[in-house]
Amino acid sequence: MNEQNPLQRFPIDREEIDTLMRVFYARMRKHEVLGPIFARAIAHEDGAVWRAHEEKIAGFWRNAILMDRGYQGSPMQAHFQNGEVKPEHFPIWLELFHDTARDVLPPEKAASMSALAERIGKGLRWGLESAQERHDQGPPKLR
């Protein structure tokens, strides 16, 4: 928390979040498993479309940490609608996120970002697993 925003989850600023997202997605694009999935979902080439995505996701993190209400979207819906994102991708995503946070942020901020990413990642993974389970079972049996 800070004096300017008593609801802020932990001390980190907008620029640090933006830097983390920029470096994280640069690494994501090169990742052997996640890179192709994201390339098909966002853009095959680095450029303006990727910058817009990075800004959108930085907005998500600013909303989650700084209580900056600029983010519009539903991460669960986006990941579910993609169809290629599977629950088993989340540990890979988290490892890359943790490594990037440790590389670009001071240790305390990296630990705080990683802890929040773990909670968010677990929630998204659980949501995808639950949706997949419901899909596999087919429509509900009413009789």
Protein backbone atom coordinates (compact mmCIF):
# COMPACT_ATOMS: atom_id res chain seq x y z
CA MET A 1 0.00 0.00 0.00
CA ASN A 2 1.01 3.58 -0.43
CA GLU A 3 -0.28 7.02 0.44
CA GLN A 4 -1.45 7.76 -3.10
CA ASN A 5 -3.44 4.55 -3.47
CA PRO A 6 -4.31 2.80 -0.20
CA LEU A 7 -5.77 -0.14 -2.16
CA GLN A 8 -2.52 -0.90 -4.02
CA ARG A 9 -1.53 -4.50 -3.27
CA PHE A 10 2.24 -3.96 -3.11
CA PRO A 11 4.77 -1.31 -4.14
CA ILE A 12 5.40 -1.44 -7.85
CA ASP A 13 4.91 1.25 -10.44
CA ARG A 14 3.41 1.40 -13.90
CA GLU A 15 6.80 1.50 -15.65
CA GLU A 16 7.97 -1.65 -13.85
CA ILE A 17 4.82 -3.50 -14.88
CA ASP A 18 5.21 -2.29 -18.47
CA THR A 19 8.85 -3.40 -18.56
CA LEU A 20 7.96 -6.80 -17.12
CA MET A 21 5.29 -7.33 -19.78
CA ARG A 22 7.57 -6.19 -22.61
CA VAL A 23 10.39 -8.57 -21.58
CA PHE A 24 7.99 -11.41 -20.71
CA TYR A 25 6.27 -11.34 -24.10
CA ALA A 26 9.58 -11.04 -25.94
CA ARG A 27 10.58 -14.28 -24.22
CA MET A 28 7.12 -15.77 -24.80
CA ARG A 29 7.41 -15.24 -28.54
CA LYS A 30 10.63 -17.30 -28.54
CA HIS A 31 9.36 -20.08 -26.25
CA GLU A 32 9.21 -23.45 -28.01
CA VAL A 33 5.83 -24.47 -26.53
CA LEU A 34 4.02 -21.22 -25.78
CA GLY A 35 5.42 -19.11 -28.62
CA PRO A 36 3.51 -20.82 -31.44
CA ILE A 37 0.24 -20.72 -29.47
CA PHE A 38 0.61 -17.01 -28.83
CA ALA A 39 1.74 -16.34 -32.40
CA ARG A 40 -1.48 -17.87 -33.71
CA ALA A 41 -3.58 -16.00 -31.14
CA ILE A 42 -1.90 -12.57 -31.30
CA ALA A 43 0.34 -12.16 -34.35
CA HIS A 44 3.03 -14.14 -36.13
CA GLU A 45 5.40 -11.19 -36.36
CA ASP A 46 6.58 -8.86 -33.62
CA GLY A 47 5.18 -5.38 -34.09
CA ALA A 48 2.23 -3.10 -33.39
CA VAL A 49 -0.24 -5.92 -32.68
CA TRP A 50 2.11 -7.32 -30.04
CA ARG A 51 2.62 -3.85 -28.51
CA ALA A 52 -1.16 -3.49 -28.21
CA HIS A 53 -1.42 -6.92 -26.56
CA GLU A 54 1.40 -6.12 -24.14
CA GLU A 55 -0.32 -2.84 -23.23
CA LYS A 56 -3.64 -4.63 -22.69
CA ILE A 57 -2.07 -7.24 -20.43
CA ALA A 58 -0.05 -4.59 -18.59
CA GLY A 59 -3.44 -2.94 -18.00
CA PHE A 60 -4.68 -6.19 -16.48
CA TRP A 61 -1.73 -6.24 -14.05
CA ARG A 62 -2.10 -2.52 -13.25
CA ASN A 63 -5.74 -3.22 -12.45
CA ALA A 64 -4.87 -6.20 -10.26
CA ILE A 65 -2.10 -4.41 -8.34
CA LEU A 66 -2.55 -0.65 -8.61
CA MET A 67 -6.36 -0.70 -8.82
CA ASP A 68 -6.03 1.16 -12.14
CA ARG A 69 -9.38 0.50 -13.82
CA GLY A 70 -8.12 0.82 -17.42
CA TYR A 71 -8.34 -2.90 -18.24
CA GLN A 72 -11.39 -4.21 -20.07
CA GLY A 73 -11.66 -7.92 -20.74
CA SER A 74 -12.08 -11.41 -19.36
CA PRO A 75 -8.88 -13.45 -19.14
CA MET A 76 -10.84 -16.65 -18.50
CA GLN A 77 -13.01 -16.15 -21.55
CA ALA A 78 -10.03 -15.22 -23.75
CA HIS A 79 -8.08 -18.31 -22.74
CA PHE A 80 -11.07 -20.63 -23.05
CA GLN A 81 -12.12 -19.27 -26.45
CA ASN A 82 -8.59 -19.72 -27.79
CA GLY A 83 -9.01 -23.49 -27.77
CA GLU A 84 -5.27 -24.16 -27.85
CA VAL A 85 -4.58 -23.05 -24.29
CA LYS A 86 -4.61 -26.11 -22.05
CA PRO A 87 -4.32 -26.44 -18.26
CA GLU A 88 -0.88 -28.01 -18.65
CA HIS A 89 0.41 -24.77 -20.23
CA PHE A 90 0.01 -22.79 -17.00
CA PRO A 91 3.02 -24.24 -15.15
CA ILE A 92 5.15 -23.44 -18.21
CA TRP A 93 3.71 -19.91 -18.37
CA LEU A 94 4.33 -19.42 -14.64
CA GLU A 95 7.93 -20.60 -14.84
CA LEU A 96 8.64 -18.15 -17.66
CA PHE A 97 6.84 -15.38 -15.74
CA HIS A 98 8.78 -16.07 -12.52
CA ASP A 99 12.11 -16.12 -14.37
CA THR A 100 11.31 -12.84 -16.11
CA ALA A 101 10.13 -11.16 -12.90
CA ARG A 102 13.36 -12.19 -11.15
CA ASP A 103 15.40 -10.83 -14.04
CA VAL A 104 13.74 -7.41 -14.38
CA LEU A 105 12.44 -6.52 -10.91
CA PRO A 106 14.03 -6.08 -7.49
CA PRO A 107 13.69 -9.29 -5.40
CA GLU A 108 10.76 -8.18 -3.22
CA LYS A 109 8.74 -6.94 -6.18
CA ALA A 110 9.55 -10.07 -8.19
CA ALA A 111 8.37 -12.23 -5.29
CA SER A 112 5.13 -10.24 -4.98
CA MET A 113 4.46 -10.41 -8.73
CA SER A 114 5.18 -14.14 -8.75
CA ALA A 115 2.85 -14.78 -5.81
CA LEU A 116 0.04 -12.90 -7.54
CA ALA A 117 0.75 -14.68 -10.83
CA GLU A 118 0.53 -18.02 -9.02
CA ARG A 119 -2.93 -17.18 -7.67
CA ILE A 120 -4.15 -15.91 -11.03
CA GLY A 121 -2.61 -18.84 -12.91
CA LYS A 122 -4.18 -21.37 -10.56
CA GLY A 123 -7.56 -19.72 -11.01
CA LEU A 124 -7.29 -19.73 -14.79
CA ARG A 125 -6.06 -23.32 -14.83
CA TRP A 126 -8.91 -24.42 -12.56
CA GLY A 127 -11.41 -22.59 -14.76
CA LEU A 128 -10.10 -24.26 -17.92
CA GLU A 129 -10.07 -27.68 -16.25
CA SER A 130 -13.65 -27.20 -15.05
CA ALA A 131 -14.83 -26.00 -18.45
CA GLN A 132 -13.09 -28.92 -20.17
CA GLU A 133 -14.68 -31.35 -17.71
CA ARG A 134 -18.15 -29.94 -18.40
CA HIS A 135 -17.49 -30.05 -22.15
CA ASP A 136 -16.33 -33.67 -21.98
CA GLN A 137 -19.45 -34.68 -20.06
CA GLY A 138 -21.74 -33.16 -22.66
CA PRO A 139 -24.98 -31.39 -21.90
CA PRO A 140 -26.51 -31.97 -18.48
CA LYS A 141 -28.91 -34.89 -18.12
CA LEU A 142 -32.26 -33.53 -17.03
CA ARG A 143 -33.93 -36.92 -16.50
